[in-house]
PDB file of N, CA and C in Angstrom:
ATOM      1  N   MET A   1     -94.721  55.498  65.281  1.00  0.00           N
ATOM      2  CA  MET A   1     -93.329  54.935  64.856  1.00  0.00           C
ATOM      3  C   MET A   1     -92.730  55.225  63.274  1.00  0.00           C
ATOM      4  N   ALA A   2     -93.174  54.621  62.659  1.00  0.00           N
ATOM      5  CA  ALA A   2     -92.590  54.792  61.396  1.00  0.00           C
ATOM      6  C   ALA A   2     -93.242  56.141  60.578  1.00  0.00           C
ATOM      7  N   LYS A   3     -93.615  56.570  60.677  1.00  0.00           N
ATOM      8  CA  LYS A   3     -93.917  58.271  60.867  1.00  0.00           C
ATOM      9  C   LYS A   3     -93.009  59.121  61.113  1.00  0.00           C
ATOM     10  N   THR A   4     -92.785  58.678  62.515  1.00  0.00           N
ATOM     11  CA  THR A   4     -91.750  59.521  63.163  1.00  0.00           C
ATOM     12  C   THR A   4     -89.684  59.016  62.380  1.00  0.00           C
ATOM     13  N   LEU A   5     -90.326  57.353  61.701  1.00  0.00           N
ATOM     14  CA  LEU A   5     -88.522  57.548  61.480  1.00  0.00           C
ATOM     15  C   LEU A   5     -88.810  58.475  59.761  1.00  0.00           C
ATOM     16  N   ILE A   6     -89.896  58.383  59.352  1.00  0.00           N
ATOM     17  CA  ILE A   6     -90.155  58.840  58.047  1.00  0.00           C
ATOM     18  C   ILE A   6     -89.520  60.330  57.840  1.00  0.00           C
ATOM     19  N   GLU A   7     -90.033  61.502  59.044  1.00  0.00           N
ATOM     20  CA  GLU A   7     -90.244  62.386  59.349  1.00  0.00           C
ATOM     21  C   GLU A   7     -88.248  62.807  59.655  1.00  0.00           C
ATOM     22  N   LEU A   8     -88.482  62.083  61.151  1.00  0.00           N
ATOM     23  CA  LEU A   8     -86.749  61.313  60.449  1.00  0.00           C
ATOM     24  C   LEU A   8     -85.524  61.594  59.348  1.00  0.00           C
ATOM     25  N   LYS A   9     -85.985  60.720  58.706  1.00  0.00           N
ATOM     26  CA  LYS A   9     -84.947  60.751  57.243  1.00  0.00           C
ATOM     27  C   LYS A   9     -85.645  62.028  56.282  1.00  0.00           C
ATOM     28  N   GLU A  10     -86.488  62.530  56.454  1.00  0.00           N
ATOM     29  CA  GLU A  10     -86.654  64.175  56.074  1.00  0.00           C
ATOM     30  C   GLU A  10     -85.964  64.714  56.483  1.00  0.00           C
ATOM     31  N   VAL A  11     -85.971  65.104  57.750  1.00  0.00           N
ATOM     32  CA  VAL A  11     -85.306  66.065  58.339  1.00  0.00           C
ATOM     33  C   VAL A  11     -83.541  65.896  57.892  1.00  0.00           C
ATOM     34  N   THR A  12     -83.084  64.403  58.214  1.00  0.00           N
ATOM     35  CA  THR A  12     -81.890  64.435  57.728  1.00  0.00           C
ATOM     36  C   THR A  12     -81.448  64.535  56.302  1.00  0.00           C
ATOM     37  N   GLU A  13     -82.656  64.487  55.216  1.00  0.00           N
ATOM     38  CA  GLU A  13     -81.930  64.671  54.335  1.00  0.00           C
ATOM     39  C   GLU A  13     -82.125  66.229  53.479  1.00  0.00           C
ATOM     40  N   ASN A  14     -83.355  66.672  53.825  1.00  0.00           N
ATOM     41  CA  ASN A  14     -83.257  67.891  54.278  1.00  0.00           C
ATOM     42  C   ASN A  14     -81.552  69.000  55.108  1.00  0.00           C
ATOM     43  N   SER A  15     -81.505  68.476  55.969  1.00  0.00           N
ATOM     44  CA  SER A  15     -79.923  69.198  56.744  1.00  0.00           C
ATOM     45  C   SER A  15     -78.443  68.338  55.627  1.00  0.00           C
ATOM     46  N   ASP A  16     -78.753  67.361  55.056  1.00  0.00           N
ATOM     47  CA  ASP A  16     -77.603  67.523  54.106  1.00  0.00           C
ATOM     48  C   ASP A  16     -77.957  68.212  52.716  1.00  0.00           C
ATOM     49  N   THR A  17     -79.039  68.111  52.393  1.00  0.00           N
ATOM     50  CA  THR A  17     -79.319  68.894  51.429  1.00  0.00           C
ATOM     51  C   THR A  17     -78.599  70.994  52.445  1.00  0.00           C
ATOM     52  N   TYR A  18     -79.022  71.294  52.765  1.00  0.00           N
ATOM     53  CA  TYR A  18     -78.858  72.693  53.213  1.00  0.00           C
ATOM     54  C   TYR A  18     -77.390  72.695  53.605  1.00  0.00           C
ATOM     55  N   GLU A  19     -76.803  71.363  54.684  1.00  0.00           N
ATOM     56  CA  GLU A  19     -75.088  71.323  54.757  1.00  0.00           C
ATOM     57  C   GLU A  19     -74.569  71.710  53.120  1.00  0.00           C
ATOM     58  N   ARG A  20     -74.789  71.242  51.947  1.00  0.00           N
ATOM     59  CA  ARG A  20     -74.351  71.228  50.468  1.00  0.00           C
ATOM     60  C   ARG A  20     -73.814  72.156  50.394  1.00  0.00           C
ATOM     61  N   GLN A  21     -75.266  72.953  50.270  1.00  0.00           N
ATOM     62  CA  GLN A  21     -75.694  74.246  49.652  1.00  0.00           C
ATOM     63  C   GLN A  21     -74.873  75.351  50.888  1.00  0.00           C
ATOM     64  N   ASN A  22     -75.166  74.705  52.177  1.00  0.00           N
ATOM     65  CA  ASN A  22     -74.068  76.046  52.796  1.00  0.00           C
ATOM     66  C   ASN A  22     -72.559  76.037  52.311  1.00  0.00           C
ATOM     67  N   THR A  23     -72.112  74.651  51.861  1.00  0.00           N
ATOM     68  CA  THR A  23     -70.630  74.642  51.907  1.00  0.00           C
ATOM     69  C   THR A  23     -70.453  75.278  50.408  1.00  0.00           C
ATOM     70  N   LYS A  24     -71.146  75.381  49.323  1.00  0.00           N
ATOM     71  CA  LYS A  24     -71.334  76.047  47.870  1.00  0.00           C
ATOM     72  C   LYS A  24     -71.517  77.240  48.134  1.00  0.00           C
ATOM     73  N   LEU A  25     -72.155  77.475  48.775  1.00  0.00           N
ATOM     74  CA  LEU A  25     -72.154  79.021  49.581  1.00  0.00           C
ATOM     75  C   LEU A  25     -71.215  80.052  50.085  1.00  0.00           C
ATOM     76  N   GLN A  26     -70.808  78.812  50.733  1.00  0.00           N
ATOM     77  CA  GLN A  26     -68.841  79.614  51.819  1.00  0.00           C
ATOM     78  C   GLN A  26     -68.128  79.091  50.344  1.00  0.00           C
ATOM     79  N   ARG A  27     -67.778  78.393  50.221  1.00  0.00           N
ATOM     80  CA  ARG A  27     -66.775  78.206  48.303  1.00  0.00           C
ATOM     81  C   ARG A  27     -67.137  79.567  47.559  1.00  0.00           C
ATOM     82  N   ASP A  28     -68.178  79.802  47.367  1.00  0.00           N
ATOM     83  CA  ASP A  28     -68.518  80.565  46.404  1.00  0.00           C
ATOM     84  C   ASP A  28     -68.250  82.132  47.182  1.00  0.00           C
ATOM     85  N   LEU A  29     -68.741  82.480  48.435  1.00  0.00           N
ATOM     86  CA  LEU A  29     -68.046  83.577  48.825  1.00  0.00           C
ATOM     87  C   LEU A  29     -66.867  83.628  49.428  1.00  0.00           C
ATOM     88  N   THR A  30     -66.167  82.672  49.411  1.00  0.00           N
ATOM     89  CA  THR A  30     -64.808  83.055  49.255  1.00  0.00           C
ATOM     90  C   THR A  30     -63.871  83.339  47.863  1.00  0.00           C
ATOM     91  N   LEU A  31     -64.029  82.509  46.953  1.00  0.00           N
ATOM     92  CA  LEU A  31     -64.099  82.615  45.821  1.00  0.00           C
ATOM     93  C   LEU A  31     -64.034  84.686  45.812  1.00  0.00           C
ATOM     94  N   ALA A  32     -65.732  84.893  45.832  1.00  0.00           N
ATOM     95  CA  ALA A  32     -66.412  86.185  45.603  1.00  0.00           C
ATOM     96  C   ALA A  32     -65.160  86.732  46.368  1.00  0.00           C
ATOM     97  N   LEU A  33     -64.680  87.167  47.481  1.00  0.00           N
ATOM     98  CA  LEU A  33     -63.758  87.819  48.576  1.00  0.00           C
ATOM     99  C   LEU A  33     -62.214  87.914  47.499  1.00  0.00           C
ATOM    100  N   GLU A  34     -61.857  86.522  46.927  1.00  0.00           N
ATOM    101  CA  GLU A  34     -60.654  86.030  46.239  1.00  0.00           C
ATOM    102  C   GLU A  34     -60.609  87.734  45.427  1.00  0.00           C
ATOM    103  N   LYS A  35     -61.292  87.147  44.771  1.00  0.00           N
ATOM    104  CA  LYS A  35     -61.615  88.194  43.692  1.00  0.00           C
ATOM    105  C   LYS A  35     -61.707  89.622  43.915  1.00  0.00           C
ATOM    106  N   LEU A  36     -62.718  90.045  44.887  1.00  0.00           N
ATOM    107  CA  LEU A  36     -62.685  91.608  45.212  1.00  0.00           C
ATOM    108  C   LEU A  36     -61.610  91.761  45.956  1.00  0.00           C
ATOM    109  N   GLU A  37     -60.365  90.809  46.279  1.00  0.00           N
ATOM    110  CA  GLU A  37     -59.177  91.653  46.471  1.00  0.00           C
ATOM    111  C   GLU A  37     -58.212  91.892  45.347  1.00  0.00           C
ATOM    112  N   GLU A  38     -58.491  90.745  43.881  1.00  0.00           N
ATOM    113  CA  GLU A  38     -57.361  91.008  43.339  1.00  0.00           C
ATOM    114  C   GLU A  38     -57.820  92.149  42.827  1.00  0.00           C
ATOM    115  N   MET A  39     -59.777  92.552  42.583  1.00  0.00           N
ATOM    116  CA  MET A  39     -59.492  94.035  41.758  1.00  0.00           C
ATOM    117  C   MET A  39     -59.710  95.346  42.753  1.00  0.00           C
ATOM    118  N   THR A  40     -59.023  95.366  43.688  1.00  0.00           N
ATOM    119  CA  THR A  40     -59.290  96.174  44.996  1.00  0.00           C
ATOM    120  C   THR A  40     -57.335  96.324  44.497  1.00  0.00           C
ATOM    121  N   GLN A  41     -56.333  95.164  44.537  1.00  0.00           N
ATOM    122  CA  GLN A  41     -55.073  95.311  44.129  1.00  0.00           C
ATOM    123  C   GLN A  41     -54.971  96.240  42.935  1.00  0.00           C
ATOM    124  N   GLU A  42     -55.806  95.435  42.226  1.00  0.00           N
ATOM    125  CA  GLU A  42     -55.379  96.037  40.589  1.00  0.00           C
ATOM    126  C   GLU A  42     -56.076  97.570  40.670  1.00  0.00           C
ATOM    127  N   ALA A  43     -56.971  98.441  41.381  1.00  0.00           N
ATOM    128  CA  ALA A  43     -57.465  99.640  40.989  1.00  0.00           C
ATOM    129  C   ALA A  43     -56.234 100.419  41.892  1.00  0.00           C
ATOM    130  N   GLU A  44     -55.603  99.795  43.155  1.00  0.00           N
ATOM    131  CA  GLU A  44     -54.695 100.113  43.686  1.00  0.00           C
ATOM    132  C   GLU A  44     -53.462 100.354  42.772  1.00  0.00           C
ATOM    133  N   ARG A  45     -53.146  99.602  41.989  1.00  0.00           N
ATOM    134  CA  ARG A  45     -52.380  99.937  41.029  1.00  0.00           C
ATOM    135  C   ARG A  45     -52.087 100.652  39.933  1.00  0.00           C
ATOM    136  N   TYR A  46     -53.670 100.587  39.360  1.00  0.00           N
ATOM    137  CA  TYR A  46     -53.958 101.759  38.435  1.00  0.00           C
ATOM    138  C   TYR A  46     -53.867 103.055  38.824  1.00  0.00           C
ATOM    139  N   ALA A  47     -54.472 103.172  40.517  1.00  0.00           N
ATOM    140  CA  ALA A  47     -54.714 104.774  41.029  1.00  0.00           C
ATOM    141  C   ALA A  47     -52.943 104.960  40.796  1.00  0.00           C
ATOM    142  N   GLN A  48     -51.872 104.196  41.703  1.00  0.00           N
ATOM    143  CA  GLN A  48     -50.735 104.472  41.741  1.00  0.00           C
ATOM    144  C   GLN A  48     -50.316 105.244  39.816  1.00  0.00           C
ATOM    145  N   GLU A  49     -50.703 104.190  39.211  1.00  0.00           N
ATOM    146  CA  GLU A  49     -50.059 104.586  37.907  1.00  0.00           C
ATOM    147  C   GLU A  49     -50.659 105.800  37.589  1.00  0.00           C
ATOM    148  N   ALA A  50     -51.382 106.224  38.020  1.00  0.00           N
ATOM    149  CA  ALA A  50     -52.151 107.766  37.497  1.00  0.00           C
ATOM    150  C   ALA A  50     -51.381 109.031  38.403  1.00  0.00           C
ATOM    151  N   LEU A  51     -51.157 108.921  39.313  1.00  0.00           N
ATOM    152  CA  LEU A  51     -50.355 109.671  40.250  1.00  0.00           C
ATOM    153  C   LEU A  51     -48.867 109.452  39.721  1.00  0.00           C
ATOM    154  N   ASN A  52     -48.534 108.752  39.669  1.00  0.00           N
ATOM    155  CA  ASN A  52     -46.670 108.541  38.783  1.00  0.00           C
ATOM    156  C   ASN A  52     -47.188 109.444  37.590  1.00  0.00           C
ATOM    157  N   SER A  53     -47.987 109.154  36.870  1.00  0.00           N
ATOM    158  CA  SER A  53     -48.501 109.463  35.482  1.00  0.00           C
ATOM    159  C   SER A  53     -48.531 110.910  35.296  1.00  0.00           C
ATOM    160  N   GLN A  54     -49.393 112.159  36.619  1.00  0.00           N
ATOM    161  CA  GLN A  54     -49.770 113.005  36.543  1.00  0.00           C
ATOM    162  C   GLN A  54     -48.340 113.931  37.187  1.00  0.00           C
ATOM    163  N   LYS A  55     -47.279 112.832  38.035  1.00  0.00           N
ATOM    164  CA  LYS A  55     -46.046 113.448  38.296  1.00  0.00           C
ATOM    165  C   LYS A  55     -45.318 113.592  37.021  1.00  0.00           C
ATOM    166  N   GLN A  56     -44.785 113.023  36.192  1.00  0.00           N
ATOM    167  CA  GLN A  56     -44.450 113.127  35.325  1.00  0.00           C
ATOM    168  C   GLN A  56     -44.622 114.497  34.400  1.00  0.00           C
ATOM    169  N   LEU A  57     -46.165 114.138  34.280  1.00  0.00           N
ATOM    170  CA  LEU A  57     -46.843 115.676  33.589  1.00  0.00           C
ATOM    171  C   LEU A  57     -46.168 116.771  34.084  1.00  0.00           C
ATOM    172  N   ALA A  58     -46.397 117.109  34.898  1.00  0.00           N
ATOM    173  CA  ALA A  58     -45.643 117.601  36.027  1.00  0.00           C
ATOM    174  C   ALA A  58     -44.380 118.381  35.898  1.00  0.00           C
ATOM    175  N   ASP A  59     -43.593 117.065  36.050  1.00  0.00           N
ATOM    176  CA  ASP A  59     -41.962 117.436  35.683  1.00  0.00           C
ATOM    177  C   ASP A  59     -41.995 118.011  34.092  1.00  0.00           C
ATOM    178  N   SER A  60     -42.160 117.243  33.591  1.00  0.00           N
ATOM    179  CA  SER A  60     -42.542 118.104  32.106  1.00  0.00           C
ATOM    180  C   SER A  60     -42.818 118.962  31.871  1.00  0.00           C
ATOM    181  N   GLU A  61     -43.976 119.296  32.441  1.00  0.00           N
ATOM    182  CA  GLU A  61     -44.293 121.038  31.955  1.00  0.00           C
ATOM    183  C   GLU A  61     -43.517 121.899  32.981  1.00  0.00           C
ATOM    184  N   GLN A  62     -42.827 121.074  34.377  1.00  0.00           N
ATOM    185  CA  GLN A  62     -41.554 122.387  34.610  1.00  0.00           C
ATOM    186  C   GLN A  62     -40.432 122.564  33.787  1.00  0.00           C
ATOM    187  N   LYS A  63     -39.699 121.060  32.870  1.00  0.00           N
ATOM    188  CA  LYS A  63     -38.700 121.018  32.360  1.00  0.00           C
ATOM    189  C   LYS A  63     -39.337 122.011  31.005  1.00  0.00           C
ATOM    190  N   ARG A  64     -40.351 122.136  30.357  1.00  0.00           N
ATOM    191  CA  ARG A  64     -40.523 122.523  29.490  1.00  0.00           C
ATOM    192  C   ARG A  64     -40.432 124.269  29.234  1.00  0.00           C
ATOM    193  N   GLU A  65     -40.878 124.791  30.687  1.00  0.00           N
ATOM    194  CA  GLU A  65     -41.027 126.439  31.703  1.00  0.00           C
ATOM    195  C   GLU A  65     -39.158 126.118  31.511  1.00  0.00           C
ATOM    196  N   GLU A  66     -38.973 125.368  31.851  1.00  0.00           N
ATOM    197  CA  GLU A  66     -37.175 126.391  32.437  1.00  0.00           C
ATOM    198  C   GLU A  66     -36.540 126.339  30.899  1.00  0.00           C
ATOM    199  N   PHE A  67     -36.695 125.221  29.988  1.00  0.00           N
ATOM    200  CA  PHE A  67     -35.828 125.020  28.562  1.00  0.00           C
ATOM    201  C   PHE A  67     -36.863 126.856  27.984  1.00  0.00           C
ATOM    202  N   MET A  68     -37.838 126.772  27.650  1.00  0.00           N
ATOM    203  CA  MET A  68     -38.385 127.809  27.498  1.00  0.00           C
ATOM    204  C   MET A  68     -37.986 129.597  27.619  1.00  0.00           C
ATOM    205  N   ILE A  69     -37.201 129.631  29.208  1.00  0.00           N
ATOM    206  CA  ILE A  69     -37.089 131.015  29.860  1.00  0.00           C
ATOM    207  C   ILE A  69     -35.663 130.278  29.278  1.00  0.00           C
ATOM    208  N   GLN A  70     -35.044 129.411  29.349  1.00  0.00           N
ATOM    209  CA  GLN A  70     -33.360 129.667  28.805  1.00  0.00           C
ATOM    210  C   GLN A  70     -33.448 129.983  27.329  1.00  0.00           C
ATOM    211  N   ALA A  71     -34.447 129.597  26.525  1.00  0.00           N
ATOM    212  CA  ALA A  71     -34.498 130.013  24.951  1.00  0.00           C
ATOM    213  C   ALA A  71     -34.451 131.193  25.208  1.00  0.00           C
ATOM    214  N   GLN A  72     -35.806 132.067  25.782  1.00  0.00           N
ATOM    215  CA  GLN A  72     -35.180 133.459  26.072  1.00  0.00           C
ATOM    216  C   GLN A  72     -34.541 134.141  25.765  1.00  0.00           C
ATOM    217  N   GLU A  73     -33.585 133.645  26.908  1.00  0.00           N
ATOM    218  CA  GLU A  73     -32.624 134.084  27.817  1.00  0.00           C
ATOM    219  C   GLU A  73     -31.211 133.491  26.397  1.00  0.00           C
ATOM    220  N   THR A  74     -31.241 132.665  25.834  1.00  0.00           N
ATOM    221  CA  THR A  74     -30.720 132.264  24.890  1.00  0.00           C
ATOM    222  C   THR A  74     -30.872 133.909  23.658  1.00  0.00           C
ATOM    223  N   ILE A  75     -32.151 133.732  22.995  1.00  0.00           N
ATOM    224  CA  ILE A  75     -32.678 134.875  22.036  1.00  0.00           C
ATOM    225  C   ILE A  75     -32.203 135.911  22.601  1.00  0.00           C
ATOM    226  N   LYS A  76     -32.292 136.793  24.034  1.00  0.00           N
ATOM    227  CA  LYS A  76     -31.957 138.083  24.144  1.00  0.00           C
ATOM    228  C   LYS A  76     -30.455 137.930  24.191  1.00  0.00           C
ATOM    229  N   GLN A  77     -29.220 137.100  24.589  1.00  0.00           N
ATOM    230  CA  GLN A  77     -28.395 137.228  24.371  1.00  0.00           C
ATOM    231  C   GLN A  77     -27.714 137.580  22.906  1.00  0.00           C
ATOM    232  N   LEU A  78     -28.884 136.901  21.987  1.00  0.00           N
ATOM    233  CA  LEU A  78     -28.064 136.847  20.714  1.00  0.00           C
ATOM    234  C   LEU A  78     -28.124 138.060  19.951  1.00  0.00           C
ATOM    235  N   ILE A  79     -29.543 138.722  20.161  1.00  0.00           N
ATOM    236  CA  ILE A  79     -30.187 139.763  19.750  1.00  0.00           C
ATOM    237  C   ILE A  79     -29.086 140.724  20.368  1.00  0.00           C
ATOM    238  N   LEU A  80     -28.906 140.840  21.953  1.00  0.00           N
ATOM    239  CA  LEU A  80     -28.227 141.746  22.192  1.00  0.00           C
ATOM    240  C   LEU A  80     -26.454 141.618  21.900  1.00  0.00           C
ATOM    241  N   LEU A  81     -25.499 140.810  21.724  1.00  0.00           N
ATOM    242  CA  LEU A  81     -24.507 140.470  21.044  1.00  0.00           C
ATOM    243  C   LEU A  81     -24.724 141.324  19.440  1.00  0.00           C
ATOM    244  N   PHE A  82     -25.795 141.084  18.589  1.00  0.00           N
ATOM    245  CA  PHE A  82     -25.804 140.751  17.377  1.00  0.00           C
ATOM    246  C   PHE A  82     -26.031 142.521  17.094  1.00  0.00           C
ATOM    247  N   SER A  83     -26.635 143.235  18.049  1.00  0.00           N
ATOM    248  CA  SER A  83     -26.875 144.347  17.994  1.00  0.00           C
ATOM    249  C   SER A  83     -25.660 145.029  18.269  1.00  0.00           C
ATOM    250  N   ILE A  84     -24.806 144.682  19.299  1.00  0.00           N
ATOM    251  CA  ILE A  84     -23.659 145.172  19.528  1.00  0.00           C
ATOM    252  C   ILE A  84     -22.573 145.279  18.241  1.00  0.00           C
ATOM    253  N   ASN A  85     -22.867 144.035  17.703  1.00  0.00           N
ATOM    254  CA  ASN A  85     -21.962 143.616  16.327  1.00  0.00           C
ATOM    255  C   ASN A  85     -22.323 144.297  15.244  1.00  0.00           C
ATOM    256  N   PHE A  86     -23.225 144.533  15.349  1.00  0.00           N
ATOM    257  CA  PHE A  86     -23.955 145.297  13.670  1.00  0.00           C
ATOM    258  C   PHE A  86     -24.294 146.814  13.720  1.00  0.00           C
ATOM    259  N   PHE A  87     -23.916 147.450  15.236  1.00  0.00           N
ATOM    260  CA  PHE A  87     -24.052 148.955  15.204  1.00  0.00           C
ATOM    261  C   PHE A  87     -22.816 149.322  15.920  1.00  0.00           C
TER     262      PHE A  87
END
């Protein structure tokens, strides 16, 4: 009977130990999942910022091209105007 009580005590102690370990692992997993969620949101935010930057760059390039065309047209008009006035 004493041997059975000792074994029961060991099983109970092991069960308590495993329960504490399980609780700790669950907490650790919850924290890891929360951190993963934060990192995912941060990555999504950076991806959106990158897309916004690419769009702004494309818009700037388009405006640059438009200004270049306007400048060329202005230069052509000035050359034509000067050639008419001087000749």
